[in-house]
Amino acid sequence: MDATDKTNVLVIGAPRSGTTLVAGLLSAGKEASPMLPECTYITQVIQQFHNILRYSDPQRFAAYAIGEPILASMYRGMVDSMLTTARSHFKDIDYRYLILKDPVLSQLIDWIPLFFGQDSRTVCVVRDPRAVIASMLKIERKKKSDLWSAWENTPNRFLAHDLVNQVFRERRLTNQFTK
């Protein structure tokens, strides 16, 4: 089976919604690739394409992109190159589905067919928003605890700065979600 026979499966959803768990479960299937790290680089390329297309001034757009098809072709080439690189890690494995995940890609869902092919599949993970918020706050508390431990071991002004920022970040999030 060559690369053109592979189907891209994209796991999207809000951060902390369970996208890693779902991607891991899908990757455990016999026809799936092993799990890759988040496809953040690909998402950033698609985000850049989106931003240029939607927000650039007409003069620059005309000079460098000419039109949407030309711009799409340039950025699709970058995404295809990254997918080829990702697939190269599994050249000795017979699989049908390349499992990719990035919660941020949820914001760019309209571009998935253009950059991943019309035959790509999307799995959108939805979780109770209260559980997502609780998970986010738990992570923020862990970051603060880790910074505090580092401060106790080796106090320095950089850690102090990070610790103070983390305390205020956690407090802002808590106030934002508990009102």
N, C-alpha and C. Protein backbone atom coordinates (compact mmCIF):
# COMPACT_ATOMS: atom_id res chain seq x y z
N MET A 1 0.85 -1.18 0.00
CA MET A 1 0.00 0.00 0.00
C MET A 1 0.90 1.24 0.00
N ASP A 2 0.74 2.12 -1.00
CA ASP A 2 1.58 3.31 -1.04
C ASP A 2 0.90 4.48 -0.33
N ALA A 3 1.61 5.59 -0.25
CA ALA A 3 1.14 6.75 0.53
C ALA A 3 -0.18 7.30 0.01
N THR A 4 -0.44 7.17 -1.29
CA THR A 4 -1.68 7.71 -1.83
C THR A 4 -2.90 6.89 -1.40
N ASP A 5 -2.68 5.66 -0.97
CA ASP A 5 -3.78 4.82 -0.50
C ASP A 5 -4.11 5.06 0.97
N LYS A 6 -3.30 5.84 1.65
CA LYS A 6 -3.51 6.09 3.08
C LYS A 6 -4.61 7.14 3.27
N THR A 7 -5.42 6.93 4.27
CA THR A 7 -6.45 7.90 4.63
C THR A 7 -6.00 8.63 5.87
N ASN A 8 -6.06 9.96 5.82
CA ASN A 8 -5.73 10.78 6.99
C ASN A 8 -6.94 10.83 7.91
N VAL A 9 -6.71 10.53 9.18
CA VAL A 9 -7.75 10.64 10.20
C VAL A 9 -7.30 11.72 11.17
N LEU A 10 -8.09 12.79 11.26
CA LEU A 10 -7.75 13.92 12.12
C LEU A 10 -8.63 13.91 13.36
N VAL A 11 -7.98 13.94 14.50
CA VAL A 11 -8.69 13.98 15.78
C VAL A 11 -8.62 15.42 16.28
N ILE A 12 -9.79 16.05 16.39
CA ILE A 12 -9.86 17.44 16.80
C ILE A 12 -10.82 17.57 17.97
N GLY A 13 -10.76 18.70 18.63
CA GLY A 13 -11.64 19.00 19.76
C GLY A 13 -10.98 20.05 20.62
N ALA A 14 -11.67 20.52 21.61
CA ALA A 14 -11.11 21.54 22.50
C ALA A 14 -9.90 20.98 23.24
N PRO A 15 -8.94 21.85 23.60
CA PRO A 15 -7.83 21.38 24.44
C PRO A 15 -8.38 20.76 25.73
N ARG A 16 -7.76 19.70 26.20
CA ARG A 16 -8.14 18.98 27.42
C ARG A 16 -9.46 18.24 27.28
N SER A 17 -9.89 17.99 26.03
CA SER A 17 -11.18 17.32 25.82
C SER A 17 -11.05 15.81 25.65
N GLY A 18 -9.82 15.32 25.52
CA GLY A 18 -9.62 13.89 25.34
C GLY A 18 -9.12 13.51 23.96
N THR A 19 -8.61 14.48 23.21
CA THR A 19 -8.12 14.17 21.86
C THR A 19 -6.94 13.20 21.90
N THR A 20 -6.08 13.33 22.90
CA THR A 20 -4.94 12.42 23.00
C THR A 20 -5.42 10.99 23.26
N LEU A 21 -6.38 10.85 24.14
CA LEU A 21 -6.93 9.53 24.45
C LEU A 21 -7.55 8.91 23.20
N VAL A 22 -8.39 9.66 22.51
CA VAL A 22 -9.06 9.13 21.32
C VAL A 22 -8.04 8.79 20.23
N ALA A 23 -7.07 9.67 20.00
CA ALA A 23 -6.04 9.38 18.99
C ALA A 23 -5.26 8.13 19.37
N GLY A 24 -4.96 7.97 20.65
CA GLY A 24 -4.26 6.77 21.11
C GLY A 24 -5.08 5.51 20.88
N LEU A 25 -6.37 5.58 21.16
CA LEU A 25 -7.25 4.42 20.93
C LEU A 25 -7.34 4.08 19.45
N LEU A 26 -7.47 5.11 18.62
CA LEU A 26 -7.52 4.87 17.17
C LEU A 26 -6.21 4.28 16.66
N SER A 27 -5.10 4.76 17.20
CA SER A 27 -3.78 4.28 16.77
C SER A 27 -3.54 2.82 17.17
N ALA A 28 -4.29 2.35 18.14
CA ALA A 28 -4.13 0.97 18.59
C ALA A 28 -4.74 -0.03 17.62
N GLY A 29 -5.53 0.45 16.66
CA GLY A 29 -6.15 -0.43 15.68
C GLY A 29 -5.14 -1.05 14.74
N LYS A 30 -5.47 -2.20 14.18
CA LYS A 30 -4.56 -2.93 13.30
C LYS A 30 -4.26 -2.18 12.00
N GLU A 31 -5.21 -1.38 11.53
CA GLU A 31 -5.02 -0.69 10.25
C GLU A 31 -4.51 0.74 10.42
N ALA A 32 -4.18 1.13 11.65
CA ALA A 32 -3.79 2.51 11.91
C ALA A 32 -2.29 2.63 12.15
N SER A 33 -1.78 3.83 11.83
CA SER A 33 -0.38 4.13 12.11
C SER A 33 -0.20 4.27 13.61
N PRO A 34 1.02 4.09 14.09
CA PRO A 34 1.27 4.42 15.50
C PRO A 34 1.00 5.91 15.73
N MET A 35 0.77 6.24 16.98
CA MET A 35 0.41 7.63 17.30
C MET A 35 1.60 8.56 17.13
N LEU A 36 1.35 9.66 16.47
CA LEU A 36 2.34 10.72 16.28
C LEU A 36 2.11 11.81 17.33
N PRO A 37 3.11 12.66 17.57
CA PRO A 37 2.85 13.83 18.41
C PRO A 37 1.84 14.73 17.69
N GLU A 38 1.33 15.72 18.39
CA GLU A 38 0.38 16.64 17.77
C GLU A 38 0.95 17.21 16.47
N CYS A 39 0.08 17.40 15.49
CA CYS A 39 0.53 17.91 14.18
C CYS A 39 0.56 19.44 14.18
N THR A 40 1.14 20.00 15.22
CA THR A 40 1.19 21.44 15.43
C THR A 40 1.82 22.19 14.25
N TYR A 41 2.89 21.66 13.70
CA TYR A 41 3.55 22.35 12.58
C TYR A 41 2.61 22.47 11.39
N ILE A 42 1.89 21.39 11.12
CA ILE A 42 0.94 21.42 10.00
C ILE A 42 -0.17 22.43 10.30
N THR A 43 -0.66 22.41 11.52
CA THR A 43 -1.71 23.36 11.91
C THR A 43 -1.24 24.80 11.74
N GLN A 44 0.01 25.07 12.09
CA GLN A 44 0.54 26.43 11.95
C GLN A 44 0.62 26.85 10.49
N VAL A 45 0.95 25.93 9.61
CA VAL A 45 0.99 26.24 8.17
C VAL A 45 -0.42 26.59 7.68
N ILE A 46 -1.39 25.79 8.08
CA ILE A 46 -2.78 26.04 7.66
C ILE A 46 -3.28 27.36 8.26
N GLN A 47 -2.91 27.65 9.50
CA GLN A 47 -3.30 28.91 10.13
C GLN A 47 -2.71 30.10 9.37
N GLN A 48 -1.46 29.98 8.95
CA GLN A 48 -0.81 31.04 8.18
C GLN A 48 -1.53 31.25 6.85
N PHE A 49 -1.86 30.16 6.16
CA PHE A 49 -2.62 30.24 4.91
C PHE A 49 -3.94 30.99 5.16
N HIS A 50 -4.65 30.58 6.19
CA HIS A 50 -5.93 31.19 6.54
C HIS A 50 -5.77 32.70 6.79
N ASN A 51 -4.76 33.06 7.56
CA ASN A 51 -4.54 34.47 7.90
C ASN A 51 -4.19 35.31 6.67
N ILE A 52 -3.34 34.78 5.81
CA ILE A 52 -3.01 35.52 4.59
C ILE A 52 -4.24 35.69 3.72
N LEU A 53 -4.98 34.62 3.56
CA LEU A 53 -6.16 34.65 2.71
C LEU A 53 -7.21 35.63 3.23
N ARG A 54 -7.41 35.63 4.54
CA ARG A 54 -8.49 36.43 5.13
C ARG A 54 -8.10 37.86 5.51
N TYR A 55 -6.84 38.07 5.88
CA TYR A 55 -6.50 39.35 6.50
C TYR A 55 -5.45 40.18 5.78
N SER A 56 -4.86 39.69 4.70
CA SER A 56 -3.81 40.48 4.06
C SER A 56 -4.42 41.58 3.18
N ASP A 57 -3.64 42.63 2.99
CA ASP A 57 -4.13 43.71 2.15
C ASP A 57 -4.05 43.28 0.68
N PRO A 58 -4.95 43.78 -0.15
CA PRO A 58 -5.04 43.34 -1.54
C PRO A 58 -3.75 43.51 -2.35
N GLN A 59 -3.00 44.59 -2.10
CA GLN A 59 -1.78 44.83 -2.87
C GLN A 59 -0.74 43.74 -2.60
N ARG A 60 -0.49 43.43 -1.34
CA ARG A 60 0.48 42.37 -1.02
C ARG A 60 -0.02 41.01 -1.50
N PHE A 61 -1.31 40.76 -1.30
CA PHE A 61 -1.87 39.48 -1.72
C PHE A 61 -1.67 39.28 -3.22
N ALA A 62 -1.97 40.32 -4.00
CA ALA A 62 -1.81 40.23 -5.46
C ALA A 62 -0.35 40.03 -5.86
N ALA A 63 0.57 40.66 -5.13
CA ALA A 63 1.99 40.57 -5.47
C ALA A 63 2.59 39.21 -5.15
N TYR A 64 2.18 38.62 -4.04
CA TYR A 64 2.85 37.39 -3.58
C TYR A 64 2.01 36.13 -3.72
N ALA A 65 0.71 36.26 -3.70
CA ALA A 65 -0.13 35.07 -3.74
C ALA A 65 -0.91 34.96 -5.04
N ILE A 66 -1.11 36.05 -5.72
CA ILE A 66 -1.87 36.17 -6.98
C ILE A 66 -3.35 35.86 -6.76
N GLY A 67 -3.64 34.70 -6.24
CA GLY A 67 -5.03 34.31 -6.00
C GLY A 67 -5.08 33.13 -5.04
N GLU A 68 -6.28 32.80 -4.61
CA GLU A 68 -6.44 31.70 -3.64
C GLU A 68 -5.89 30.36 -4.15
N PRO A 69 -6.14 29.98 -5.41
CA PRO A 69 -5.61 28.69 -5.87
C PRO A 69 -4.08 28.61 -5.81
N ILE A 70 -3.39 29.70 -6.18
CA ILE A 70 -1.93 29.72 -6.14
C ILE A 70 -1.45 29.61 -4.69
N LEU A 71 -2.06 30.42 -3.82
CA LEU A 71 -1.69 30.39 -2.41
C LEU A 71 -1.95 29.00 -1.82
N ALA A 72 -3.10 28.42 -2.13
CA ALA A 72 -3.43 27.08 -1.62
C ALA A 72 -2.42 26.05 -2.10
N SER A 73 -2.00 26.17 -3.34
CA SER A 73 -1.01 25.25 -3.90
C SER A 73 0.32 25.33 -3.15
N MET A 74 0.75 26.56 -2.83
CA MET A 74 2.01 26.73 -2.10
C MET A 74 1.92 26.09 -0.72
N TYR A 75 0.86 26.37 -0.02
CA TYR A 75 0.72 25.86 1.35
C TYR A 75 0.39 24.37 1.37
N ARG A 76 -0.35 23.91 0.38
CA ARG A 76 -0.65 22.47 0.29
C ARG A 76 0.65 21.69 0.08
N GLY A 77 1.58 22.27 -0.69
CA GLY A 77 2.89 21.63 -0.88
C GLY A 77 3.64 21.45 0.43
N MET A 78 3.58 22.47 1.30
CA MET A 78 4.25 22.36 2.60
C MET A 78 3.59 21.28 3.46
N VAL A 79 2.26 21.25 3.47
CA VAL A 79 1.56 20.24 4.26
C VAL A 79 1.85 18.84 3.71
N ASP A 80 1.80 18.69 2.40
CA ASP A 80 2.10 17.38 1.79
C ASP A 80 3.51 16.91 2.15
N SER A 81 4.46 17.84 2.15
CA SER A 81 5.84 17.50 2.50
C SER A 81 5.93 17.01 3.95
N MET A 82 5.22 17.69 4.85
CA MET A 82 5.24 17.26 6.25
C MET A 82 4.55 15.90 6.43
N LEU A 83 3.46 15.67 5.70
CA LEU A 83 2.79 14.37 5.79
C LEU A 83 3.68 13.26 5.24
N THR A 84 4.40 13.55 4.17
CA THR A 84 5.33 12.57 3.62
C THR A 84 6.42 12.22 4.64
N THR A 85 6.92 13.24 5.32
CA THR A 85 7.93 13.02 6.36
C THR A 85 7.36 12.18 7.49
N ALA A 86 6.14 12.50 7.92
CA ALA A 86 5.50 11.73 8.99
C ALA A 86 5.31 10.28 8.57
N ARG A 87 4.85 10.06 7.34
CA ARG A 87 4.63 8.69 6.85
C ARG A 87 5.94 7.91 6.74
N SER A 88 7.04 8.62 6.50
CA SER A 88 8.32 7.94 6.32
C SER A 88 8.76 7.20 7.59
N HIS A 89 8.24 7.60 8.73
CA HIS A 89 8.57 6.90 9.98
C HIS A 89 7.93 5.52 10.05
N PHE A 90 6.95 5.28 9.20
CA PHE A 90 6.19 4.02 9.26
C PHE A 90 6.29 3.22 7.96
N LYS A 91 7.39 3.40 7.23
CA LYS A 91 7.50 2.74 5.93
C LYS A 91 7.54 1.21 6.03
N ASP A 92 7.92 0.68 7.19
CA ASP A 92 7.97 -0.77 7.36
C ASP A 92 6.69 -1.34 7.98
N ILE A 93 5.70 -0.48 8.17
CA ILE A 93 4.45 -0.89 8.79
C ILE A 93 3.34 -0.81 7.76
N ASP A 94 2.52 -1.85 7.69
CA ASP A 94 1.38 -1.84 6.79
C ASP A 94 0.20 -1.24 7.54
N TYR A 95 -0.23 -0.06 7.14
CA TYR A 95 -1.36 0.60 7.79
C TYR A 95 -2.20 1.30 6.73
N ARG A 96 -3.42 1.56 7.06
CA ARG A 96 -4.33 2.23 6.14
C ARG A 96 -4.64 3.66 6.57
N TYR A 97 -4.64 3.91 7.88
CA TYR A 97 -5.02 5.22 8.41
C TYR A 97 -3.85 5.89 9.10
N LEU A 98 -3.55 7.12 8.69
CA LEU A 98 -2.56 7.93 9.38
C LEU A 98 -3.32 8.78 10.39
N ILE A 99 -3.07 8.55 11.67
CA ILE A 99 -3.78 9.24 12.73
C ILE A 99 -3.02 10.51 13.09
N LEU A 100 -3.68 11.65 12.96
CA LEU A 100 -3.11 12.95 13.28
C LEU A 100 -4.03 13.64 14.28
N LYS A 101 -3.44 14.40 15.20
CA LYS A 101 -4.29 15.10 16.16
C LYS A 101 -3.69 16.43 16.54
N ASP A 102 -4.57 17.39 16.70
CA ASP A 102 -4.20 18.70 17.22
C ASP A 102 -5.48 19.44 17.56
N PRO A 103 -5.70 19.71 18.84
CA PRO A 103 -6.92 20.43 19.21
C PRO A 103 -7.06 21.78 18.50
N VAL A 104 -5.96 22.46 18.23
CA VAL A 104 -6.02 23.78 17.59
C VAL A 104 -6.58 23.68 16.18
N LEU A 105 -6.41 22.53 15.54
CA LEU A 105 -6.92 22.33 14.19
C LEU A 105 -8.45 22.46 14.14
N SER A 106 -9.10 22.34 15.28
CA SER A 106 -10.56 22.49 15.35
C SER A 106 -11.00 23.84 14.79
N GLN A 107 -10.19 24.86 15.01
CA GLN A 107 -10.53 26.21 14.54
C GLN A 107 -10.42 26.33 13.02
N LEU A 108 -9.77 25.38 12.39
CA LEU A 108 -9.52 25.44 10.96
C LEU A 108 -10.21 24.28 10.23
N ILE A 109 -11.27 23.78 10.80
CA ILE A 109 -11.93 22.58 10.28
C ILE A 109 -12.35 22.72 8.82
N ASP A 110 -12.70 23.93 8.41
CA ASP A 110 -13.13 24.14 7.02
C ASP A 110 -12.02 23.85 6.02
N TRP A 111 -10.76 23.92 6.44
CA TRP A 111 -9.64 23.72 5.54
C TRP A 111 -9.16 22.28 5.49
N ILE A 112 -9.71 21.41 6.31
CA ILE A 112 -9.24 20.01 6.36
C ILE A 112 -9.32 19.32 4.99
N PRO A 113 -10.44 19.39 4.27
CA PRO A 113 -10.46 18.72 2.96
C PRO A 113 -9.40 19.24 1.99
N LEU A 114 -9.15 20.55 1.99
CA LEU A 114 -8.15 21.13 1.08
C LEU A 114 -6.75 20.62 1.39
N PHE A 115 -6.40 20.55 2.67
CA PHE A 115 -5.03 20.20 3.03
C PHE A 115 -4.80 18.72 3.31
N PHE A 116 -5.85 17.98 3.61
CA PHE A 116 -5.67 16.56 3.95
C PHE A 116 -6.38 15.64 2.97
N GLY A 117 -7.07 16.21 1.99
CA GLY A 117 -7.74 15.40 0.98
C GLY A 117 -9.22 15.22 1.27
N GLN A 118 -9.97 15.07 0.21
CA GLN A 118 -11.43 14.89 0.34
C GLN A 118 -11.79 13.59 1.05
N ASP A 119 -10.91 12.61 0.98
CA ASP A 119 -11.21 11.32 1.61
C ASP A 119 -10.75 11.26 3.07
N SER A 120 -10.21 12.38 3.59
CA SER A 120 -9.78 12.39 4.99
C SER A 120 -11.00 12.25 5.90
N ARG A 121 -10.74 11.78 7.09
CA ARG A 121 -11.81 11.59 8.08
C ARG A 121 -11.50 12.48 9.28
N THR A 122 -12.55 12.99 9.90
CA THR A 122 -12.38 13.84 11.07
C THR A 122 -13.17 13.26 12.23
N VAL A 123 -12.50 13.14 13.37
CA VAL A 123 -13.15 12.71 14.60
C VAL A 123 -13.10 13.92 15.54
N CYS A 124 -14.28 14.42 15.89
CA CYS A 124 -14.35 15.57 16.78
C CYS A 124 -14.71 15.09 18.18
N VAL A 125 -13.82 15.34 19.13
CA VAL A 125 -14.02 14.91 20.51
C VAL A 125 -14.73 16.03 21.27
N VAL A 126 -15.82 15.68 21.92
CA VAL A 126 -16.58 16.65 22.70
C VAL A 126 -16.63 16.15 24.14
N ARG A 127 -16.36 17.04 25.07
CA ARG A 127 -16.35 16.69 26.49
C ARG A 127 -17.14 17.76 27.25
N ASP A 128 -17.73 17.38 28.33
CA ASP A 128 -18.45 18.32 29.17
C ASP A 128 -17.54 19.51 29.47
N PRO A 129 -17.96 20.73 29.15
CA PRO A 129 -17.10 21.91 29.37
C PRO A 129 -16.62 22.04 30.81
N ARG A 130 -17.43 21.62 31.76
CA ARG A 130 -17.01 21.70 33.17
C ARG A 130 -15.81 20.80 33.42
N ALA A 131 -15.79 19.64 32.78
CA ALA A 131 -14.65 18.73 32.94
C ALA A 131 -13.41 19.29 32.26
N VAL A 132 -13.59 19.96 31.12
CA VAL A 132 -12.46 20.60 30.43
C VAL A 132 -11.85 21.68 31.32
N ILE A 133 -12.70 22.51 31.90
CA ILE A 133 -12.22 23.58 32.78
C ILE A 133 -11.52 23.01 34.00
N ALA A 134 -12.11 21.99 34.61
CA ALA A 134 -11.48 21.36 35.77
C ALA A 134 -10.11 20.80 35.40
N SER A 135 -9.99 20.21 34.23
CA SER A 135 -8.71 19.67 33.77
C SER A 135 -7.70 20.79 33.54
N MET A 136 -8.15 21.90 32.95
CA MET A 136 -7.26 23.03 32.71
C MET A 136 -6.74 23.59 34.04
N LEU A 137 -7.64 23.73 35.01
CA LEU A 137 -7.22 24.25 36.31
C LEU A 137 -6.26 23.30 37.01
N LYS A 138 -6.49 22.01 36.86
CA LYS A 138 -5.59 21.01 37.46
C LYS A 138 -4.18 21.16 36.88
N ILE A 139 -4.09 21.36 35.57
CA ILE A 139 -2.79 21.53 34.91
C ILE A 139 -2.12 22.80 35.42
N GLU A 140 -2.89 23.89 35.55
CA GLU A 140 -2.31 25.14 36.05
C GLU A 140 -1.78 24.98 37.47
N ARG A 141 -2.51 24.25 38.31
CA ARG A 141 -2.05 24.01 39.69
C ARG A 141 -0.78 23.17 39.70
N LYS A 142 -0.71 22.20 38.78
CA LYS A 142 0.50 21.37 38.69
C LYS A 142 1.70 22.21 38.25
N LYS A 143 1.48 23.10 37.30
CA LYS A 143 2.57 23.98 36.86
C LYS A 143 3.08 24.81 38.04
N LYS A 144 2.15 25.36 38.83
CA LYS A 144 2.53 26.17 39.99
C LYS A 144 3.30 25.32 40.99
N SER A 145 2.84 24.11 41.23
CA SER A 145 3.52 23.22 42.17
C SER A 145 4.93 22.89 41.68
N ASP A 146 5.06 22.62 40.38
CA ASP A 146 6.38 22.31 39.81
C ASP A 146 7.33 23.51 39.92
N LEU A 147 6.79 24.70 39.66
CA LEU A 147 7.62 25.91 39.78
C LEU A 147 8.04 26.13 41.24
N TRP A 148 7.12 25.89 42.16
CA TRP A 148 7.43 26.05 43.58
C TRP A 148 8.54 25.09 44.00
N SER A 149 8.45 23.84 43.55
CA SER A 149 9.49 22.85 43.86
C SER A 149 10.84 23.27 43.29
N ALA A 150 10.82 23.77 42.06
CA ALA A 150 12.07 24.24 41.45
C ALA A 150 12.64 25.41 42.23
N TRP A 151 11.77 26.32 42.68
CA TRP A 151 12.19 27.47 43.47
C TRP A 151 12.83 27.03 44.78
N GLU A 152 12.24 26.03 45.43
CA GLU A 152 12.79 25.53 46.70
C GLU A 152 14.17 24.92 46.50
N ASN A 153 14.39 24.28 45.36
CA ASN A 153 15.68 23.64 45.08
C ASN A 153 16.74 24.65 44.66
N THR A 154 16.37 25.60 43.80
CA THR A 154 17.32 26.57 43.27
C THR A 154 16.64 27.92 43.09
N PRO A 155 16.51 28.69 44.15
CA PRO A 155 15.83 29.98 44.00
C PRO A 155 16.62 30.93 43.10
N ASN A 156 15.91 31.56 42.19
CA ASN A 156 16.51 32.59 41.34
C ASN A 156 15.40 33.51 40.85
N ARG A 157 15.78 34.65 40.33
CA ARG A 157 14.78 35.65 39.95
C ARG A 157 13.90 35.20 38.79
N PHE A 158 14.44 34.35 37.90
CA PHE A 158 13.64 33.88 36.77
C PHE A 158 12.52 32.97 37.24
N LEU A 159 12.85 32.06 38.16
CA LEU A 159 11.82 31.19 38.72
C LEU A 159 10.81 31.98 39.53
N ALA A 160 11.28 32.97 40.26
CA ALA A 160 10.37 33.81 41.04
C ALA A 160 9.38 34.51 40.12
N HIS A 161 9.89 35.04 39.03
CA HIS A 161 9.03 35.70 38.04
C HIS A 161 8.00 34.73 37.48
N ASP A 162 8.46 33.55 37.07
CA ASP A 162 7.55 32.54 36.51
C ASP A 162 6.51 32.09 37.53
N LEU A 163 6.93 31.93 38.78
CA LEU A 163 6.02 31.50 39.84
C LEU A 163 4.94 32.55 40.09
N VAL A 164 5.32 33.80 40.16
CA VAL A 164 4.34 34.88 40.36
C VAL A 164 3.36 34.92 39.19
N ASN A 165 3.89 34.84 37.96
CA ASN A 165 3.01 34.83 36.79
C ASN A 165 2.05 33.65 36.81
N GLN A 166 2.54 32.49 37.22
CA GLN A 166 1.70 31.29 37.27
C GLN A 166 0.59 31.44 38.31
N VAL A 167 0.92 32.01 39.46
CA VAL A 167 -0.09 32.23 40.51
C VAL A 167 -1.20 33.13 39.96
N PHE A 168 -0.81 34.22 39.30
CA PHE A 168 -1.82 35.13 38.76
C PHE A 168 -2.60 34.50 37.60
N ARG A 169 -1.93 33.70 36.79
CA ARG A 169 -2.63 33.01 35.69
C ARG A 169 -3.68 32.05 36.24
N GLU A 170 -3.29 31.27 37.23
CA GLU A 170 -4.24 30.33 37.84
C GLU A 170 -5.41 31.09 38.47
N ARG A 171 -5.10 32.17 39.15
CA ARG A 171 -6.15 32.97 39.80
C ARG A 171 -7.11 33.56 38.76
N ARG A 172 -6.56 34.07 37.64
CA ARG A 172 -7.41 34.62 36.57
C ARG A 172 -8.34 33.54 36.01
N LEU A 173 -7.78 32.37 35.74
CA LEU A 173 -8.59 31.28 35.21
C LEU A 173 -9.67 30.87 36.19
N THR A 174 -9.29 30.75 37.45
CA THR A 174 -10.27 30.35 38.47
C THR A 174 -11.39 31.38 38.55
N ASN A 175 -11.04 32.65 38.59
CA ASN A 175 -12.07 33.71 38.65
C ASN A 175 -12.92 33.73 37.40
N GLN A 176 -12.31 33.49 36.26
CA GLN A 176 -13.02 33.51 35.00
C GLN A 176 -14.07 32.41 34.92
N PHE A 177 -13.73 31.24 35.45
CA PHE A 177 -14.63 30.08 35.29
C PHE A 177 -15.54 29.84 36.49
N THR A 178 -15.33 30.55 37.57
CA THR A 178 -16.17 30.28 38.75
C THR A 178 -17.15 31.41 39.06
N LYS A 179 -17.23 32.38 38.18
CA LYS A 179 -18.19 33.48 38.39
C LYS A 179 -19.59 33.06 38.03
